[in-house]
N, C-alpha and C. Protein backbone atom coordinates (compact mmCIF):
# COMPACT_ATOMS: atom_id res chain seq x y z
N MET A 1 -80.02 12.29 176.56
CA MET A 1 -79.32 12.50 177.63
C MET A 1 -79.73 13.79 177.89
N LYS A 2 -80.38 14.01 179.65
CA LYS A 2 -80.79 15.40 180.10
C LYS A 2 -79.48 15.90 180.41
N CYS A 3 -79.34 17.59 180.68
CA CYS A 3 -77.97 18.25 180.65
C CYS A 3 -78.19 18.26 182.50
N LEU A 4 -77.21 18.38 183.18
CA LEU A 4 -77.25 18.58 184.32
C LEU A 4 -77.64 20.16 184.74
N TYR A 5 -77.11 20.76 183.99
CA TYR A 5 -77.27 22.33 184.17
C TYR A 5 -78.52 22.83 183.71
N CYS A 6 -78.81 22.72 182.62
CA CYS A 6 -79.99 23.21 181.77
C CYS A 6 -81.31 22.24 181.41
N GLY A 7 -81.42 21.56 181.84
CA GLY A 7 -82.27 20.55 181.59
C GLY A 7 -82.72 19.76 180.28
N CYS A 8 -81.68 20.30 179.25
CA CYS A 8 -82.14 20.07 178.12
C CYS A 8 -81.74 18.47 177.55
N GLU A 9 -82.76 18.19 176.51
CA GLU A 9 -82.56 16.82 176.46
C GLU A 9 -81.68 16.28 175.26
N ASP A 10 -80.99 17.31 174.82
CA ASP A 10 -80.28 17.38 173.55
C ASP A 10 -78.43 17.75 173.81
N SER A 11 -78.15 16.39 173.61
CA SER A 11 -76.32 16.80 173.80
C SER A 11 -75.72 15.93 172.57
N LYS A 12 -74.35 16.32 172.39
CA LYS A 12 -73.64 15.77 171.75
C LYS A 12 -72.21 14.98 172.16
N VAL A 13 -71.88 13.83 171.72
CA VAL A 13 -70.78 13.39 172.35
C VAL A 13 -69.49 14.09 171.88
N ILE A 14 -68.57 14.44 172.28
CA ILE A 14 -67.26 14.98 172.56
C ILE A 14 -66.28 14.35 172.24
N ASP A 15 -66.24 13.02 173.47
CA ASP A 15 -64.91 12.38 173.20
C ASP A 15 -66.03 10.67 173.82
N SER A 16 -65.68 9.84 173.39
CA SER A 16 -65.97 8.34 174.27
C SER A 16 -64.56 7.24 174.49
N ARG A 17 -64.31 6.98 175.52
CA ARG A 17 -63.24 6.08 175.88
C ARG A 17 -63.67 4.82 176.82
N SER A 18 -63.03 3.88 176.33
CA SER A 18 -63.61 2.69 177.38
C SER A 18 -62.90 2.92 178.91
N ALA A 19 -63.81 2.10 179.64
CA ALA A 19 -63.44 2.53 180.99
C ALA A 19 -63.77 0.77 181.80
N ASP A 20 -63.12 0.83 183.04
CA ASP A 20 -63.53 -0.39 183.75
C ASP A 20 -63.14 -1.82 183.00
N GLU A 21 -61.89 -1.85 182.47
CA GLU A 21 -61.26 -2.39 181.75
C GLU A 21 -62.26 -3.10 180.57
N GLY A 22 -62.77 -1.91 180.02
CA GLY A 22 -63.25 -2.42 179.01
C GLY A 22 -65.09 -2.58 179.12
N ARG A 23 -65.72 -2.75 180.20
CA ARG A 23 -67.18 -2.95 180.93
C ARG A 23 -67.72 -1.76 180.69
N THR A 24 -67.52 -0.76 180.81
CA THR A 24 -67.51 0.56 180.65
C THR A 24 -67.45 1.71 179.23
N ILE A 25 -68.01 2.59 179.04
CA ILE A 25 -67.80 3.25 177.83
C ILE A 25 -68.03 4.86 178.50
N ARG A 26 -67.33 5.33 178.30
CA ARG A 26 -66.99 7.01 179.76
C ARG A 26 -67.15 7.88 178.32
N ARG A 27 -68.33 8.63 178.52
CA ARG A 27 -68.37 9.85 177.08
C ARG A 27 -68.61 11.02 177.55
N ARG A 28 -67.89 11.95 177.18
CA ARG A 28 -67.93 13.41 177.69
C ARG A 28 -69.21 13.88 176.48
N ARG A 29 -70.08 14.69 176.82
CA ARG A 29 -71.05 15.48 176.32
C ARG A 29 -70.81 17.10 176.75
N GLU A 30 -71.70 17.55 175.44
CA GLU A 30 -71.89 18.85 175.26
C GLU A 30 -73.20 19.05 174.74
N CYS A 31 -73.87 20.14 176.18
CA CYS A 31 -75.44 20.18 175.74
C CYS A 31 -75.34 21.30 174.40
N VAL A 32 -76.31 20.82 173.67
CA VAL A 32 -76.47 22.19 172.74
C VAL A 32 -77.11 23.26 173.12
N LYS A 33 -78.05 23.19 174.39
CA LYS A 33 -78.47 25.05 174.58
C LYS A 33 -77.64 25.68 175.21
N CYS A 34 -77.15 24.92 176.56
CA CYS A 34 -76.09 26.06 177.18
C CYS A 34 -74.55 25.67 177.10
N GLY A 35 -74.09 24.70 176.00
CA GLY A 35 -72.84 24.55 175.67
C GLY A 35 -71.76 24.31 177.49
N LYS A 36 -72.48 23.64 178.31
CA LYS A 36 -71.78 22.59 179.15
C LYS A 36 -71.49 21.54 179.22
N ARG A 37 -70.46 21.02 179.80
CA ARG A 37 -69.92 19.85 179.47
C ARG A 37 -70.35 18.82 180.62
N PHE A 38 -70.68 17.49 180.39
CA PHE A 38 -71.01 16.71 181.57
C PHE A 38 -70.46 14.94 180.88
N THR A 39 -69.92 14.25 181.85
CA THR A 39 -69.96 12.89 181.55
C THR A 39 -70.84 11.79 182.04
N THR A 40 -70.65 10.93 180.99
CA THR A 40 -71.96 10.12 181.35
C THR A 40 -71.16 8.55 180.91
N TYR A 41 -71.71 7.57 181.82
CA TYR A 41 -71.10 6.69 181.79
C TYR A 41 -72.03 5.60 181.57
N GLU A 42 -71.52 4.29 180.58
CA GLU A 42 -72.62 3.47 179.69
C GLU A 42 -72.07 2.10 180.34
N THR A 43 -73.05 1.36 180.71
CA THR A 43 -72.52 -0.02 181.39
C THR A 43 -73.29 -0.83 180.85
N ILE A 44 -72.83 -2.53 180.48
CA ILE A 44 -74.03 -3.70 180.08
C ILE A 44 -74.60 -3.71 181.50
N GLU A 45 -75.93 -3.86 181.48
CA GLU A 45 -77.12 -3.90 182.65
C GLU A 45 -76.59 -5.79 182.79
N ASP A 46 -76.19 -6.20 183.83
CA ASP A 46 -75.82 -7.51 184.46
C ASP A 46 -77.06 -7.89 185.00
N THR A 47 -78.08 -8.38 184.31
CA THR A 47 -79.30 -9.28 185.54
C THR A 47 -78.71 -10.37 186.07
N PRO A 48 -78.57 -10.71 187.32
CA PRO A 48 -78.51 -12.32 187.11
C PRO A 48 -79.79 -13.43 187.15
N VAL A 49 -79.46 -14.10 186.56
CA VAL A 49 -80.61 -15.07 186.29
C VAL A 49 -80.41 -16.44 187.29
N LEU A 50 -81.49 -16.90 187.89
CA LEU A 50 -81.78 -17.51 189.10
C LEU A 50 -81.89 -18.71 188.89
N VAL A 51 -81.11 -19.75 189.75
CA VAL A 51 -81.39 -21.06 189.42
C VAL A 51 -82.50 -22.05 190.35
N VAL A 52 -83.71 -21.97 190.06
CA VAL A 52 -84.35 -22.40 191.11
C VAL A 52 -84.34 -24.04 191.14
N LYS A 53 -84.09 -24.70 192.24
CA LYS A 53 -83.49 -26.11 192.77
C LYS A 53 -84.64 -26.74 192.85
N SER A 54 -85.01 -27.84 192.61
CA SER A 54 -85.73 -29.08 193.25
C SER A 54 -86.98 -28.69 194.51
N SER A 55 -86.06 -28.21 195.47
CA SER A 55 -86.30 -28.19 196.86
C SER A 55 -87.24 -26.61 197.03
N GLY A 56 -86.53 -25.76 195.82
CA GLY A 56 -87.21 -24.50 195.79
C GLY A 56 -86.48 -23.40 195.93
N LEU A 57 -85.23 -23.57 196.41
CA LEU A 57 -84.31 -22.93 196.88
C LEU A 57 -83.83 -22.21 195.69
N ARG A 58 -83.52 -20.94 195.69
CA ARG A 58 -82.81 -20.28 194.33
C ARG A 58 -81.58 -19.81 194.62
N GLN A 59 -80.70 -19.92 193.91
CA GLN A 59 -79.05 -19.64 193.51
C GLN A 59 -78.73 -19.06 192.63
N ALA A 60 -77.82 -17.93 192.28
CA ALA A 60 -77.21 -17.27 190.73
C ALA A 60 -77.03 -18.15 190.11
N PHE A 61 -77.11 -18.27 188.85
CA PHE A 61 -76.54 -19.42 187.99
C PHE A 61 -74.94 -19.37 187.68
N ASP A 62 -73.85 -20.31 187.94
CA ASP A 62 -73.22 -20.39 187.87
C ASP A 62 -72.29 -21.39 186.94
N ALA A 63 -71.48 -21.05 186.23
CA ALA A 63 -71.44 -21.72 185.12
C ALA A 63 -69.93 -22.82 185.55
N GLN A 64 -69.42 -22.41 186.76
CA GLN A 64 -68.09 -23.27 186.85
C GLN A 64 -68.86 -24.78 187.29
N LYS A 65 -69.89 -23.98 188.50
CA LYS A 65 -70.96 -25.55 188.76
C LYS A 65 -70.93 -26.72 187.63
N ILE A 66 -71.92 -26.34 186.21
CA ILE A 66 -71.74 -26.38 185.26
C ILE A 66 -70.54 -27.55 184.81
N LYS A 67 -69.37 -27.04 184.92
CA LYS A 67 -68.00 -27.14 184.50
C LYS A 67 -67.60 -28.22 185.16
N ASN A 68 -67.60 -28.30 186.94
CA ASN A 68 -67.48 -29.11 187.74
C ASN A 68 -68.11 -30.30 187.33
N GLY A 69 -69.13 -30.23 187.05
CA GLY A 69 -70.20 -31.47 187.03
C GLY A 69 -69.54 -32.67 185.36
N ILE A 70 -69.59 -31.40 184.21
CA ILE A 70 -69.16 -31.87 183.28
C ILE A 70 -67.50 -32.93 183.47
N ILE A 71 -66.65 -32.04 184.01
CA ILE A 71 -65.71 -32.94 184.54
C ILE A 71 -65.69 -34.24 185.18
N LYS A 72 -66.19 -33.95 185.62
CA LYS A 72 -66.69 -35.35 186.78
C LYS A 72 -67.25 -36.28 185.71
N SER A 73 -68.14 -36.14 185.17
CA SER A 73 -68.75 -36.76 183.98
C SER A 73 -67.73 -37.88 182.81
N CYS A 74 -66.99 -36.72 182.48
CA CYS A 74 -65.67 -37.03 181.49
C CYS A 74 -64.77 -37.77 182.30
N GLU A 75 -64.10 -37.98 183.25
CA GLU A 75 -63.01 -38.34 184.06
C GLU A 75 -62.84 -39.18 183.36
N LYS A 76 -61.58 -39.49 182.86
CA LYS A 76 -61.09 -40.78 182.32
C LYS A 76 -61.27 -41.09 180.73
N ARG A 77 -62.01 -40.16 180.19
CA ARG A 77 -62.53 -40.12 179.01
C ARG A 77 -62.05 -39.13 178.21
N PRO A 78 -61.52 -39.72 176.80
CA PRO A 78 -61.24 -39.05 175.82
C PRO A 78 -61.78 -37.77 175.56
N VAL A 79 -62.37 -36.00 176.45
CA VAL A 79 -62.83 -35.17 176.10
C VAL A 79 -61.97 -34.82 176.31
N SER A 80 -61.64 -33.31 175.56
CA SER A 80 -60.53 -32.29 176.11
C SER A 80 -61.21 -30.96 176.54
N MET A 81 -60.35 -30.90 177.58
CA MET A 81 -60.82 -29.30 178.31
C MET A 81 -61.19 -28.04 177.47
N ASN A 82 -60.93 -28.31 176.12
CA ASN A 82 -61.62 -27.35 174.84
C ASN A 82 -63.37 -27.66 174.59
N ALA A 83 -63.31 -29.08 174.48
CA ALA A 83 -64.59 -29.34 174.88
C ALA A 83 -65.48 -29.27 175.39
N ILE A 84 -65.03 -29.35 176.79
CA ILE A 84 -65.65 -28.85 177.99
C ILE A 84 -66.24 -27.49 178.33
N ASP A 85 -65.39 -27.05 178.12
CA ASP A 85 -64.94 -25.51 178.00
C ASP A 85 -66.55 -24.99 176.72
N GLU A 86 -66.53 -25.51 175.60
CA GLU A 86 -67.59 -25.74 174.52
C GLU A 86 -68.95 -25.71 175.43
N MET A 87 -68.75 -26.95 175.90
CA MET A 87 -70.32 -27.61 176.44
C MET A 87 -70.68 -26.36 177.79
N VAL A 88 -69.64 -25.93 178.41
CA VAL A 88 -70.05 -24.80 179.29
C VAL A 88 -70.38 -23.91 178.85
N MET A 89 -69.66 -23.06 177.45
CA MET A 89 -70.42 -22.04 176.82
C MET A 89 -71.92 -22.02 176.22
N SER A 90 -71.95 -23.51 175.67
CA SER A 90 -73.18 -23.50 174.63
C SER A 90 -74.56 -23.67 175.98
N VAL A 91 -74.31 -24.17 177.05
CA VAL A 91 -75.41 -24.23 178.18
C VAL A 91 -75.54 -23.01 178.85
N SER A 92 -74.15 -22.07 178.83
CA SER A 92 -74.33 -20.66 179.50
C SER A 92 -75.31 -19.80 178.61
N LYS A 93 -75.14 -19.69 177.60
CA LYS A 93 -75.54 -18.78 176.20
C LYS A 93 -77.10 -19.37 176.13
N GLN A 94 -77.37 -20.44 176.24
CA GLN A 94 -78.77 -21.31 176.64
C GLN A 94 -79.39 -20.68 176.99
N VAL A 95 -78.70 -20.72 178.46
CA VAL A 95 -79.39 -20.00 179.73
C VAL A 95 -79.56 -18.74 179.97
N TYR A 96 -78.54 -17.45 179.32
CA TYR A 96 -78.76 -16.12 179.28
C TYR A 96 -79.64 -15.84 178.16
N ASN A 97 -79.92 -16.76 176.77
CA ASN A 97 -80.38 -16.27 175.57
C ASN A 97 -81.98 -16.68 175.92
N SER A 98 -82.01 -17.44 176.99
CA SER A 98 -83.21 -18.02 176.78
C SER A 98 -84.59 -16.56 177.70
N MET A 99 -83.34 -15.79 178.26
CA MET A 99 -84.32 -14.15 178.53
C MET A 99 -85.24 -14.21 180.04
N GLU A 100 -84.90 -15.60 180.41
CA GLU A 100 -85.90 -15.66 182.03
C GLU A 100 -84.61 -15.28 183.22
N GLN A 101 -85.63 -14.51 184.22
CA GLN A 101 -84.93 -14.07 185.17
C GLN A 101 -84.41 -15.43 185.91
N GLU A 102 -85.55 -16.58 185.61
CA GLU A 102 -85.53 -17.88 186.54
C GLU A 102 -85.46 -19.21 185.75
N ILE A 103 -84.51 -19.75 186.37
CA ILE A 103 -84.67 -21.15 185.18
C ILE A 103 -84.80 -22.34 186.09
N SER A 104 -85.23 -23.34 185.75
CA SER A 104 -85.27 -24.69 187.03
C SER A 104 -84.08 -25.22 186.67
N SER A 105 -82.99 -26.05 187.62
CA SER A 105 -81.99 -26.75 187.70
C SER A 105 -82.41 -27.90 186.64
N LYS A 106 -83.37 -28.49 186.81
CA LYS A 106 -83.96 -29.49 186.05
C LYS A 106 -83.40 -29.33 184.24
N LYS A 107 -84.38 -28.28 183.80
CA LYS A 107 -84.15 -27.60 182.64
C LYS A 107 -82.20 -27.41 181.80
N ILE A 108 -81.88 -27.02 183.12
CA ILE A 108 -80.08 -27.19 183.17
C ILE A 108 -79.66 -27.98 182.91
N GLY A 109 -80.07 -29.15 183.83
CA GLY A 109 -79.45 -30.68 183.59
C GLY A 109 -79.64 -31.25 182.44
N GLU A 110 -80.54 -30.90 181.82
CA GLU A 110 -81.30 -31.33 180.34
C GLU A 110 -80.57 -30.95 179.58
N MET A 111 -79.93 -29.65 179.32
CA MET A 111 -79.40 -28.91 178.65
C MET A 111 -77.40 -29.91 178.78
N VAL A 112 -77.51 -29.54 179.89
CA VAL A 112 -75.93 -30.66 180.00
C VAL A 112 -75.87 -31.77 179.05
N MET A 113 -77.38 -32.62 179.54
CA MET A 113 -77.11 -33.98 179.20
C MET A 113 -77.10 -33.97 177.45
N GLU A 114 -77.88 -33.00 176.74
CA GLU A 114 -77.83 -32.72 175.63
C GLU A 114 -76.34 -32.69 174.98
N GLU A 115 -75.56 -31.67 175.57
CA GLU A 115 -73.95 -31.33 174.94
C GLU A 115 -73.49 -32.43 175.17
N LEU A 116 -73.21 -33.29 176.09
CA LEU A 116 -72.45 -34.38 177.07
C LEU A 116 -72.79 -35.56 175.56
N LYS A 117 -74.23 -35.52 175.39
CA LYS A 117 -74.61 -36.73 174.12
C LYS A 117 -74.02 -36.32 172.76
N LYS A 118 -73.58 -34.84 172.61
CA LYS A 118 -72.58 -35.04 171.20
C LYS A 118 -71.45 -35.62 171.08
N TYR A 119 -70.84 -35.43 172.52
CA TYR A 119 -69.06 -35.25 172.54
C TYR A 119 -68.96 -36.47 173.16
N ASP A 120 -69.78 -37.44 174.27
CA ASP A 120 -69.20 -38.66 174.46
C ASP A 120 -70.61 -39.29 175.31
N GLU A 121 -70.98 -40.35 174.98
CA GLU A 121 -72.07 -41.27 175.17
C GLU A 121 -71.66 -41.60 176.35
N VAL A 122 -70.44 -42.36 177.16
CA VAL A 122 -70.02 -42.69 178.43
C VAL A 122 -70.19 -41.53 179.28
N ALA A 123 -69.99 -40.53 178.93
CA ALA A 123 -69.81 -38.99 179.85
C ALA A 123 -71.35 -38.63 180.28
N TYR A 124 -72.44 -38.51 179.07
CA TYR A 124 -73.44 -38.19 178.96
C TYR A 124 -74.82 -39.17 179.71
N VAL A 125 -73.67 -40.70 180.13
CA VAL A 125 -74.77 -42.01 181.07
C VAL A 125 -73.95 -41.81 182.35
N ARG A 126 -73.07 -41.33 182.26
CA ARG A 126 -72.52 -40.90 183.57
C ARG A 126 -73.07 -40.12 184.56
N TYR A 127 -73.08 -38.56 183.82
CA TYR A 127 -73.99 -37.37 183.77
C TYR A 127 -75.42 -38.04 184.47
N ALA A 128 -76.45 -38.44 183.35
CA ALA A 128 -77.55 -38.79 183.38
C ALA A 128 -78.05 -39.95 185.08
N SER A 129 -77.11 -40.79 184.79
CA SER A 129 -77.22 -41.66 186.24
C SER A 129 -77.36 -40.79 187.32
N VAL A 130 -76.46 -39.64 187.81
CA VAL A 130 -76.31 -39.19 188.96
C VAL A 130 -77.66 -38.01 188.61
N TYR A 131 -77.94 -37.56 187.79
CA TYR A 131 -78.74 -36.14 187.60
C TYR A 131 -79.92 -36.88 187.63
N ARG A 132 -80.13 -38.34 186.77
CA ARG A 132 -81.95 -38.80 186.89
C ARG A 132 -81.92 -39.75 188.13
N SER A 133 -80.81 -39.66 189.36
CA SER A 133 -80.63 -40.57 190.38
C SER A 133 -81.47 -42.16 190.14
N PHE A 134 -80.73 -42.59 189.27
CA PHE A 134 -81.46 -44.10 188.57
C PHE A 134 -81.42 -44.90 189.80
N LYS A 135 -82.60 -45.48 190.33
CA LYS A 135 -82.69 -45.66 191.52
C LYS A 135 -82.61 -47.66 191.51
N ASP A 136 -82.63 -48.26 190.33
CA ASP A 136 -82.23 -49.54 190.19
C ASP A 136 -81.68 -49.66 188.65
N ILE A 137 -81.43 -50.97 188.32
CA ILE A 137 -80.42 -51.13 187.23
C ILE A 137 -81.21 -51.42 186.11
N SER A 138 -82.69 -51.50 186.51
CA SER A 138 -83.50 -51.23 185.38
C SER A 138 -83.94 -49.82 184.74
N SER A 139 -83.75 -48.83 185.13
CA SER A 139 -84.20 -47.41 185.07
C SER A 139 -82.81 -46.86 184.29
N PHE A 140 -81.61 -47.96 184.63
CA PHE A 140 -80.17 -47.60 183.83
C PHE A 140 -80.62 -47.76 182.23
N MET A 141 -80.78 -49.05 182.76
CA MET A 141 -81.08 -49.73 181.01
C MET A 141 -81.79 -49.23 180.31
N ASP A 142 -82.89 -48.62 180.83
CA ASP A 142 -84.15 -47.57 179.81
C ASP A 142 -83.28 -46.70 179.52
N GLU A 143 -82.51 -45.94 180.32
CA GLU A 143 -81.48 -44.40 179.59
C GLU A 143 -80.68 -45.45 178.25
N LEU A 144 -80.03 -46.59 178.74
CA LEU A 144 -79.12 -47.19 177.92
C LEU A 144 -79.49 -47.23 176.53
N GLN A 145 -80.93 -47.57 176.81
CA GLN A 145 -81.77 -48.06 175.37
C GLN A 145 -82.14 -46.83 174.80
N LYS A 146 -82.71 -46.06 175.29
CA LYS A 146 -83.21 -44.87 174.02
C LYS A 146 -82.03 -44.27 173.99
N LEU A 147 -80.64 -44.15 174.49
CA LEU A 147 -79.62 -43.60 173.83
C LEU A 147 -79.14 -44.65 172.55
N MET A 148 -79.34 -46.11 172.45
CA MET A 148 -79.52 -47.07 171.50
C MET A 148 -80.15 -46.53 170.23
N ASP A 149 -81.41 -46.59 170.84
CA ASP A 149 -82.60 -46.25 169.67
C ASP A 149 -82.19 -45.19 168.77
N ASN A 150 -81.87 -44.14 169.91
CA ASN A 150 -81.37 -42.81 169.06
C ASN A 150 -80.59 -42.56 167.78
N LYS A 151 -79.09 -43.66 168.20
CA LYS A 151 -78.39 -44.01 167.63
C LYS A 151 -78.56 -44.17 166.12
N HIS A 152 -79.57 -45.51 166.07
CA HIS A 152 -79.71 -46.49 164.94
C HIS A 152 -81.01 -45.39 164.49
């Protein structure tokens, strides 16, 4: 860290404290050349991930939207809120760990379906029917057949 007073690039940390509810670290430093003290702040870089919709529009990734969709799919199903939170957390981790600044809504939808498939097949089919916009009963049956084939 460069000294504000003499420009020396060597300093030592005298004190570190958590700030901003744990999202920032405040450090008191002392320049090894001139001995003057100064404060620096270290924060996590928060780079938003943009979701690219099928229309081409972009919006910030919002885990709450994922949660709302999963809740609708799991309505009247034996899926706990804890399980729903785990699914949302898993999808969020996958999105952020992809290290991409933009991700397609289609890819996110596929991630959600994979998570739902692990917990409840009916909720999975409900989500898939909306997500994949089944046009008729045959496309719905095709999806059910894939699910049955994977199960055996």
